[in-house]
């Protein structure tokens, strides 16, 4: 049991690491943030508050929504994921920003295109650990359970597209990296989940909802 729990915790940490790398790539490339952070920036500008406060405001609202809709999905990863991912992002940004600031455009484009891949792997690893996803990602699974005829990647693209449009309407700044996040994050999560589901569970007992097709 100890080994299984340790493996699950390792899976959780690896997921946070991958997600943090993804966030730092979006920031360091300077080609546009992911859809969620565009919405955060837009809310920050609209309300005249700091970006960090807008971030916590949105995350808090999403957490309340999850509590109402599917509270059994909340776990260790839900409560601590946001803070740990942010810490990893800051550490990687210190390393990546100086390297990418002077890089050729084609290099930065490749890094921006790789960001959704790290996102997909990170979310899939956290999901497999069974310790609970962040509120933003739990909501995607809830919406997918309501729309079982659609593949998960389609639901995620619609979800990210809604955040993208909300952020754009609120005055958020977009770029090619934002487009990559909307179009590629869903397919990357679905592909990574399909690969990881072929391996035995990490060990923790997940608080799962009814398993949706396609993820």
C-alpha atoms as a PDB file:
ATOM      1  CA  UNK A   1       0.000   0.000   0.000  1.00  0.00           C
ATOM      2  CA  UNK A   2       2.853   2.393   0.851  1.00  0.00           C
ATOM      3  CA  UNK A   3       4.518   1.782  -2.513  1.00  0.00           C
ATOM      4  CA  UNK A   4       1.223   2.339  -4.315  1.00  0.00           C
ATOM      5  CA  UNK A   5       0.603   5.615  -2.493  1.00  0.00           C
ATOM      6  CA  UNK A   6       4.170   6.726  -3.159  1.00  0.00           C
ATOM      7  CA  UNK A   7       3.734   5.924  -6.860  1.00  0.00           C
ATOM      8  CA  UNK A   8       0.497   7.903  -6.946  1.00  0.00           C
ATOM      9  CA  UNK A   9       2.151  10.854  -5.220  1.00  0.00           C
ATOM     10  CA  UNK A  10       5.024  10.676  -7.700  1.00  0.00           C
ATOM     11  CA  UNK A  11       2.507  10.718 -10.534  1.00  0.00           C
ATOM     12  CA  UNK A  12       0.853  13.783  -8.990  1.00  0.00           C
ATOM     13  CA  UNK A  13       4.155  15.650  -8.637  1.00  0.00           C
ATOM     14  CA  UNK A  14       5.177  14.753 -12.188  1.00  0.00           C
ATOM     15  CA  UNK A  15       1.862  16.137 -13.405  1.00  0.00           C
ATOM     16  CA  UNK A  16       2.392  19.409 -11.547  1.00  0.00           C
ATOM     17  CA  UNK A  17       5.931  19.625 -12.946  1.00  0.00           C
ATOM     18  CA  UNK A  18       4.730  19.137 -16.509  1.00  0.00           C
ATOM     19  CA  UNK A  19       1.914  21.660 -16.085  1.00  0.00           C
ATOM     20  CA  UNK A  20       4.334  24.185 -14.590  1.00  0.00           C
ATOM     21  CA  UNK A  21       6.676  23.781 -17.560  1.00  0.00           C
ATOM     22  CA  UNK A  22       3.744  24.394 -19.879  1.00  0.00           C
ATOM     23  CA  UNK A  23       2.781  27.629 -18.112  1.00  0.00           C
ATOM     24  CA  UNK A  24       6.372  28.869 -18.143  1.00  0.00           C
ATOM     25  CA  UNK A  25       6.688  28.144 -21.868  1.00  0.00           C
ATOM     26  CA  UNK A  26       3.653  30.307 -22.622  1.00  0.00           C
ATOM     27  CA  UNK A  27       5.116  33.136 -20.545  1.00  0.00           C
ATOM     28  CA  UNK A  28       8.715  32.831 -21.748  1.00  0.00           C
ATOM     29  CA  UNK A  29       7.866  32.606 -25.444  1.00  0.00           C
ATOM     30  CA  UNK A  30       6.052  35.926 -25.355  1.00  0.00           C
ATOM     31  CA  UNK A  31       3.602  34.768 -28.020  1.00  0.00           C
ATOM     32  CA  UNK A  32       0.392  34.814 -25.993  1.00  0.00           C
ATOM     33  CA  UNK A  33      -0.848  33.106 -22.841  1.00  0.00           C
ATOM     34  CA  UNK A  34      -3.139  30.103 -22.627  1.00  0.00           C
ATOM     35  CA  UNK A  35      -6.893  30.698 -22.750  1.00  0.00           C
ATOM     36  CA  UNK A  36      -7.365  30.596 -18.971  1.00  0.00           C
ATOM     37  CA  UNK A  37      -4.731  33.247 -18.329  1.00  0.00           C
ATOM     38  CA  UNK A  38      -6.105  35.451 -21.105  1.00  0.00           C
ATOM     39  CA  UNK A  39      -9.416  35.391 -19.230  1.00  0.00           C
ATOM     40  CA  UNK A  40      -7.565  36.134 -15.987  1.00  0.00           C
ATOM     41  CA  UNK A  41      -5.798  39.108 -17.541  1.00  0.00           C
ATOM     42  CA  UNK A  42      -9.030  40.406 -19.016  1.00  0.00           C
ATOM     43  CA  UNK A  43     -10.809  40.215 -15.645  1.00  0.00           C
ATOM     44  CA  UNK A  44      -7.846  41.919 -14.001  1.00  0.00           C
ATOM     45  CA  UNK A  45      -8.015  44.831 -16.448  1.00  0.00           C
ATOM     46  CA  UNK A  46     -11.802  45.113 -16.227  1.00  0.00           C
ATOM     47  CA  UNK A  47     -11.968  45.136 -12.410  1.00  0.00           C
ATOM     48  CA  UNK A  48      -8.738  47.069 -11.944  1.00  0.00           C
ATOM     49  CA  UNK A  49      -7.225  44.434  -9.660  1.00  0.00           C
ATOM     50  CA  UNK A  50      -3.916  42.596  -9.703  1.00  0.00           C
ATOM     51  CA  UNK A  51      -3.625  39.610 -12.029  1.00  0.00           C
ATOM     52  CA  UNK A  52      -2.951  37.292  -9.091  1.00  0.00           C
ATOM     53  CA  UNK A  53      -6.141  38.408  -7.358  1.00  0.00           C
ATOM     54  CA  UNK A  54      -8.130  37.899 -10.564  1.00  0.00           C
ATOM     55  CA  UNK A  55      -6.604  34.413 -10.834  1.00  0.00           C
ATOM     56  CA  UNK A  56      -7.679  33.463  -7.315  1.00  0.00           C
ATOM     57  CA  UNK A  57     -11.112  34.988  -7.888  1.00  0.00           C
ATOM     58  CA  UNK A  58     -11.706  32.805 -10.948  1.00  0.00           C
ATOM     59  CA  UNK A  59     -10.272  29.697  -9.289  1.00  0.00           C
ATOM     60  CA  UNK A  60     -12.431  30.315  -6.220  1.00  0.00           C
ATOM     61  CA  UNK A  61     -15.563  30.661  -8.348  1.00  0.00           C
ATOM     62  CA  UNK A  62     -14.709  27.441 -10.197  1.00  0.00           C
ATOM     63  CA  UNK A  63     -14.081  25.630  -6.909  1.00  0.00           C
ATOM     64  CA  UNK A  64     -17.486  26.717  -5.596  1.00  0.00           C
ATOM     65  CA  UNK A  65     -19.078  25.460  -8.800  1.00  0.00           C
ATOM     66  CA  UNK A  66     -17.349  22.096  -8.409  1.00  0.00           C
ATOM     67  CA  UNK A  67     -18.525  21.923  -4.784  1.00  0.00           C
ATOM     68  CA  UNK A  68     -22.090  22.346  -5.986  1.00  0.00           C
ATOM     69  CA  UNK A  69     -21.903  20.023  -8.991  1.00  0.00           C
ATOM     70  CA  UNK A  70     -19.500  17.214  -8.027  1.00  0.00           C
ATOM     71  CA  UNK A  71     -17.766  17.725  -4.684  1.00  0.00           C
ATOM     72  CA  UNK A  72     -16.492  14.140  -4.515  1.00  0.00           C
ATOM     73  CA  UNK A  73     -13.964  15.019  -7.230  1.00  0.00           C
ATOM     74  CA  UNK A  74     -12.121  17.405  -4.908  1.00  0.00           C
ATOM     75  CA  UNK A  75      -8.877  16.036  -3.494  1.00  0.00           C
ATOM     76  CA  UNK A  76      -5.299  16.884  -2.571  1.00  0.00           C
ATOM     77  CA  UNK A  77      -4.486  17.858  -6.134  1.00  0.00           C
ATOM     78  CA  UNK A  78      -7.479  20.215  -6.235  1.00  0.00           C
ATOM     79  CA  UNK A  79      -6.500  22.046  -3.055  1.00  0.00           C
ATOM     80  CA  UNK A  80      -2.756  22.347  -3.623  1.00  0.00           C
ATOM     81  CA  UNK A  81      -2.366  22.021  -7.378  1.00  0.00           C
ATOM     82  CA  UNK A  82      -2.798  25.680  -8.235  1.00  0.00           C
ATOM     83  CA  UNK A  83      -0.148  26.829  -5.761  1.00  0.00           C
ATOM     84  CA  UNK A  84       2.364  24.107  -6.662  1.00  0.00           C
ATOM     85  CA  UNK A  85       1.964  24.633 -10.401  1.00  0.00           C
ATOM     86  CA  UNK A  86       2.533  28.354  -9.884  1.00  0.00           C
ATOM     87  CA  UNK A  87       5.724  27.681  -7.928  1.00  0.00           C
ATOM     88  CA  UNK A  88       7.050  25.333 -10.610  1.00  0.00           C
ATOM     89  CA  UNK A  89       6.142  27.858 -13.297  1.00  0.00           C
ATOM     90  CA  UNK A  90       8.122  30.571 -11.521  1.00  0.00           C
ATOM     91  CA  UNK A  91      11.185  28.338 -11.206  1.00  0.00           C
ATOM     92  CA  UNK A  92      11.127  27.278 -14.851  1.00  0.00           C
ATOM     93  CA  UNK A  93      10.480  30.828 -16.015  1.00  0.00           C
ATOM     94  CA  UNK A  94      13.723  31.933 -14.366  1.00  0.00           C
ATOM     95  CA  UNK A  95      15.541  29.403 -16.549  1.00  0.00           C
ATOM     96  CA  UNK A  96      13.550  29.660 -19.774  1.00  0.00           C
ATOM     97  CA  UNK A  97      12.872  33.395 -20.078  1.00  0.00           C
ATOM     98  CA  UNK A  98      16.526  34.406 -20.578  1.00  0.00           C
ATOM     99  CA  UNK A  99      17.005  31.599 -23.098  1.00  0.00           C
ATOM    100  CA  UNK A 100      13.906  32.329 -25.160  1.00  0.00           C
ATOM    101  CA  UNK A 101      14.049  36.114 -24.960  1.00  0.00           C
ATOM    102  CA  UNK A 102      16.810  36.191 -27.577  1.00  0.00           C
ATOM    103  CA  UNK A 103      15.744  33.068 -29.472  1.00  0.00           C
ATOM    104  CA  UNK A 104      14.656  33.059 -33.109  1.00  0.00           C
ATOM    105  CA  UNK A 105      10.930  33.301 -33.815  1.00  0.00           C
ATOM    106  CA  UNK A 106      10.798  29.739 -35.140  1.00  0.00           C
ATOM    107  CA  UNK A 107      12.260  28.443 -31.861  1.00  0.00           C
ATOM    108  CA  UNK A 108       9.707  30.361 -29.807  1.00  0.00           C
ATOM    109  CA  UNK A 109       6.911  29.107 -32.071  1.00  0.00           C
ATOM    110  CA  UNK A 110       8.034  25.515 -31.541  1.00  0.00           C
ATOM    111  CA  UNK A 111       8.140  26.054 -27.769  1.00  0.00           C
ATOM    112  CA  UNK A 112       4.673  27.634 -27.803  1.00  0.00           C
ATOM    113  CA  UNK A 113       3.372  24.645 -29.783  1.00  0.00           C
ATOM    114  CA  UNK A 114       5.001  22.285 -27.248  1.00  0.00           C
ATOM    115  CA  UNK A 115       3.268  23.984 -24.312  1.00  0.00           C
ATOM    116  CA  UNK A 116      -0.113  22.246 -24.884  1.00  0.00           C
ATOM    117  CA  UNK A 117       1.710  18.901 -25.036  1.00  0.00           C
ATOM    118  CA  UNK A 118       3.113  19.481 -21.541  1.00  0.00           C
ATOM    119  CA  UNK A 119      -0.340  20.609 -20.417  1.00  0.00           C
ATOM    120  CA  UNK A 120      -1.940  17.430 -21.752  1.00  0.00           C
ATOM    121  CA  UNK A 121       0.661  15.226 -20.107  1.00  0.00           C
ATOM    122  CA  UNK A 122       0.470  17.125 -16.825  1.00  0.00           C
ATOM    123  CA  UNK A 123      -3.318  16.997 -16.530  1.00  0.00           C
ATOM    124  CA  UNK A 124      -3.367  13.313 -17.506  1.00  0.00           C
ATOM    125  CA  UNK A 125      -0.735  12.428 -14.890  1.00  0.00           C
ATOM    126  CA  UNK A 126      -2.601  14.283 -12.144  1.00  0.00           C
ATOM    127  CA  UNK A 127      -5.845  12.596 -13.201  1.00  0.00           C
ATOM    128  CA  UNK A 128      -4.185   9.170 -13.111  1.00  0.00           C
ATOM    129  CA  UNK A 129      -2.780   9.787  -9.619  1.00  0.00           C
ATOM    130  CA  UNK A 130      -6.323   9.886  -8.282  1.00  0.00           C
ATOM    131  CA  UNK A 131      -5.632  12.819  -5.963  1.00  0.00           C
ATOM    132  CA  UNK A 132      -7.946  15.228  -7.762  1.00  0.00           C
ATOM    133  CA  UNK A 133      -7.602  17.759 -10.575  1.00  0.00           C
ATOM    134  CA  UNK A 134      -7.704  21.544 -10.325  1.00  0.00           C
ATOM    135  CA  UNK A 135     -11.223  23.085 -10.425  1.00  0.00           C
ATOM    136  CA  UNK A 136     -10.733  24.276 -14.011  1.00  0.00           C
ATOM    137  CA  UNK A 137      -9.966  20.743 -15.210  1.00  0.00           C
ATOM    138  CA  UNK A 138     -12.669  19.079 -13.102  1.00  0.00           C
ATOM    139  CA  UNK A 139     -15.257  21.307 -14.772  1.00  0.00           C
ATOM    140  CA  UNK A 140     -14.114  20.027 -18.170  1.00  0.00           C
ATOM    141  CA  UNK A 141     -14.787  16.440 -17.087  1.00  0.00           C
ATOM    142  CA  UNK A 142     -18.174  17.408 -15.674  1.00  0.00           C
ATOM    143  CA  UNK A 143     -19.172  19.070 -18.941  1.00  0.00           C
ATOM    144  CA  UNK A 144     -17.952  16.018 -20.831  1.00  0.00           C
ATOM    145  CA  UNK A 145     -20.127  13.754 -18.669  1.00  0.00           C
ATOM    146  CA  UNK A 146     -23.094  15.913 -19.700  1.00  0.00           C
ATOM    147  CA  UNK A 147     -22.166  15.641 -23.398  1.00  0.00           C
ATOM    148  CA  UNK A 148     -21.194  11.962 -23.798  1.00  0.00           C
ATOM    149  CA  UNK A 149     -21.699  11.994 -27.567  1.00  0.00           C
ATOM    150  CA  UNK A 150     -18.823  14.418 -27.974  1.00  0.00           C
ATOM    151  CA  UNK A 151     -15.208  13.337 -27.616  1.00  0.00           C
ATOM    152  CA  UNK A 152     -13.358  14.854 -24.693  1.00  0.00           C
ATOM    153  CA  UNK A 153     -11.035  16.810 -26.979  1.00  0.00           C
ATOM    154  CA  UNK A 154     -14.035  18.531 -28.563  1.00  0.00           C
ATOM    155  CA  UNK A 155     -15.512  19.486 -25.197  1.00  0.00           C
ATOM    156  CA  UNK A 156     -12.142  20.812 -24.040  1.00  0.00           C
ATOM    157  CA  UNK A 157     -11.706  22.859 -27.216  1.00  0.00           C
ATOM    158  CA  UNK A 158     -15.153  24.397 -26.698  1.00  0.00           C
ATOM    159  CA  UNK A 159     -14.327  25.041 -23.042  1.00  0.00           C
ATOM    160  CA  UNK A 160     -11.008  26.696 -23.862  1.00  0.00           C
ATOM    161  CA  UNK A 161     -12.681  28.602 -26.680  1.00  0.00           C
ATOM    162  CA  UNK A 162     -15.239  30.001 -24.232  1.00  0.00           C
ATOM    163  CA  UNK A 163     -12.466  31.179 -21.903  1.00  0.00           C
ATOM    164  CA  UNK A 164     -10.616  32.643 -24.885  1.00  0.00           C
ATOM    165  CA  UNK A 165     -13.663  34.635 -26.027  1.00  0.00           C
ATOM    166  CA  UNK A 166     -14.430  35.779 -22.478  1.00  0.00           C
ATOM    167  CA  UNK A 167     -10.891  37.018 -22.045  1.00  0.00           C
ATOM    168  CA  UNK A 168     -10.935  38.719 -25.440  1.00  0.00           C
ATOM    169  CA  UNK A 169     -14.183  40.525 -24.636  1.00  0.00           C
ATOM    170  CA  UNK A 170     -12.741  41.640 -21.303  1.00  0.00           C
ATOM    171  CA  UNK A 171      -9.698  43.099 -23.042  1.00  0.00           C
ATOM    172  CA  UNK A 172      -7.167  40.300 -22.568  1.00  0.00           C
ATOM    173  CA  UNK A 173      -4.133  40.107 -24.830  1.00  0.00           C
ATOM    174  CA  UNK A 174      -3.923  37.147 -27.196  1.00  0.00           C
ATOM    175  CA  UNK A 175      -1.307  35.697 -29.525  1.00  0.00           C
ATOM    176  CA  UNK A 176      -0.446  32.610 -31.536  1.00  0.00           C
ATOM    177  CA  UNK A 177       0.275  30.805 -28.252  1.00  0.00           C
ATOM    178  CA  UNK A 178      -3.344  31.389 -27.235  1.00  0.00           C
ATOM    179  CA  UNK A 179      -4.550  29.837 -30.487  1.00  0.00           C
ATOM    180  CA  UNK A 180      -2.301  26.831 -29.882  1.00  0.00           C
ATOM    181  CA  UNK A 181      -3.775  26.419 -26.393  1.00  0.00           C
ATOM    182  CA  UNK A 182      -7.363  26.444 -27.667  1.00  0.00           C
ATOM    183  CA  UNK A 183      -6.766  24.058 -30.571  1.00  0.00           C
ATOM    184  CA  UNK A 184      -4.214  21.646 -29.112  1.00  0.00           C
ATOM    185  CA  UNK A 185      -4.808  21.307 -25.357  1.00  0.00           C
ATOM    186  CA  UNK A 186      -7.892  19.086 -25.660  1.00  0.00           C
ATOM    187  CA  UNK A 187      -6.386  16.669 -28.212  1.00  0.00           C
ATOM    188  CA  UNK A 188      -3.154  16.484 -26.169  1.00  0.00           C
ATOM    189  CA  UNK A 189      -5.023  15.639 -22.952  1.00  0.00           C
ATOM    190  CA  UNK A 190      -7.054  12.947 -24.720  1.00  0.00           C
ATOM    191  CA  UNK A 191      -3.976  11.414 -26.355  1.00  0.00           C
ATOM    192  CA  UNK A 192      -1.929  11.436 -23.137  1.00  0.00           C
ATOM    193  CA  UNK A 193      -4.821   9.958 -21.135  1.00  0.00           C
ATOM    194  CA  UNK A 194      -5.224   7.162 -23.679  1.00  0.00           C
ATOM    195  CA  UNK A 195      -1.536   6.274 -23.331  1.00  0.00           C
ATOM    196  CA  UNK A 196      -1.516   6.430 -19.536  1.00  0.00           C
ATOM    197  CA  UNK A 197      -4.730   4.406 -19.229  1.00  0.00           C
ATOM    198  CA  UNK A 198      -2.882   1.452 -20.747  1.00  0.00           C
ATOM    199  CA  UNK A 199      -0.711   1.252 -17.626  1.00  0.00           C
ATOM    200  CA  UNK A 200      -1.891   0.077 -14.177  1.00  0.00           C
ATOM    201  CA  UNK A 201      -3.337   2.719 -11.825  1.00  0.00           C
ATOM    202  CA  UNK A 202      -0.803   4.661  -9.789  1.00  0.00           C
ATOM    203  CA  UNK A 203      -2.272   3.348  -6.549  1.00  0.00           C
ATOM    204  CA  UNK A 204      -4.429   5.993  -4.891  1.00  0.00           C
ATOM    205  CA  UNK A 205      -8.145   5.523  -4.936  1.00  0.00           C
ATOM    206  CA  UNK A 206      -9.434   8.331  -7.148  1.00  0.00           C
ATOM    207  CA  UNK A 207     -12.621  10.242  -6.476  1.00  0.00           C
ATOM    208  CA  UNK A 208     -13.878   9.568  -9.974  1.00  0.00           C
ATOM    209  CA  UNK A 209     -17.120  10.531 -11.593  1.00  0.00           C
ATOM    210  CA  UNK A 210     -18.753   8.211 -14.092  1.00  0.00           C
ATOM    211  CA  UNK A 211     -16.084   7.494 -16.673  1.00  0.00           C
ATOM    212  CA  UNK A 212     -16.720   9.458 -19.839  1.00  0.00           C
ATOM    213  CA  UNK A 213     -15.954   8.024 -23.274  1.00  0.00           C
ATOM    214  CA  UNK A 214     -12.840   9.241 -25.035  1.00  0.00           C
ATOM    215  CA  UNK A 215     -10.650  10.090 -22.041  1.00  0.00           C
END
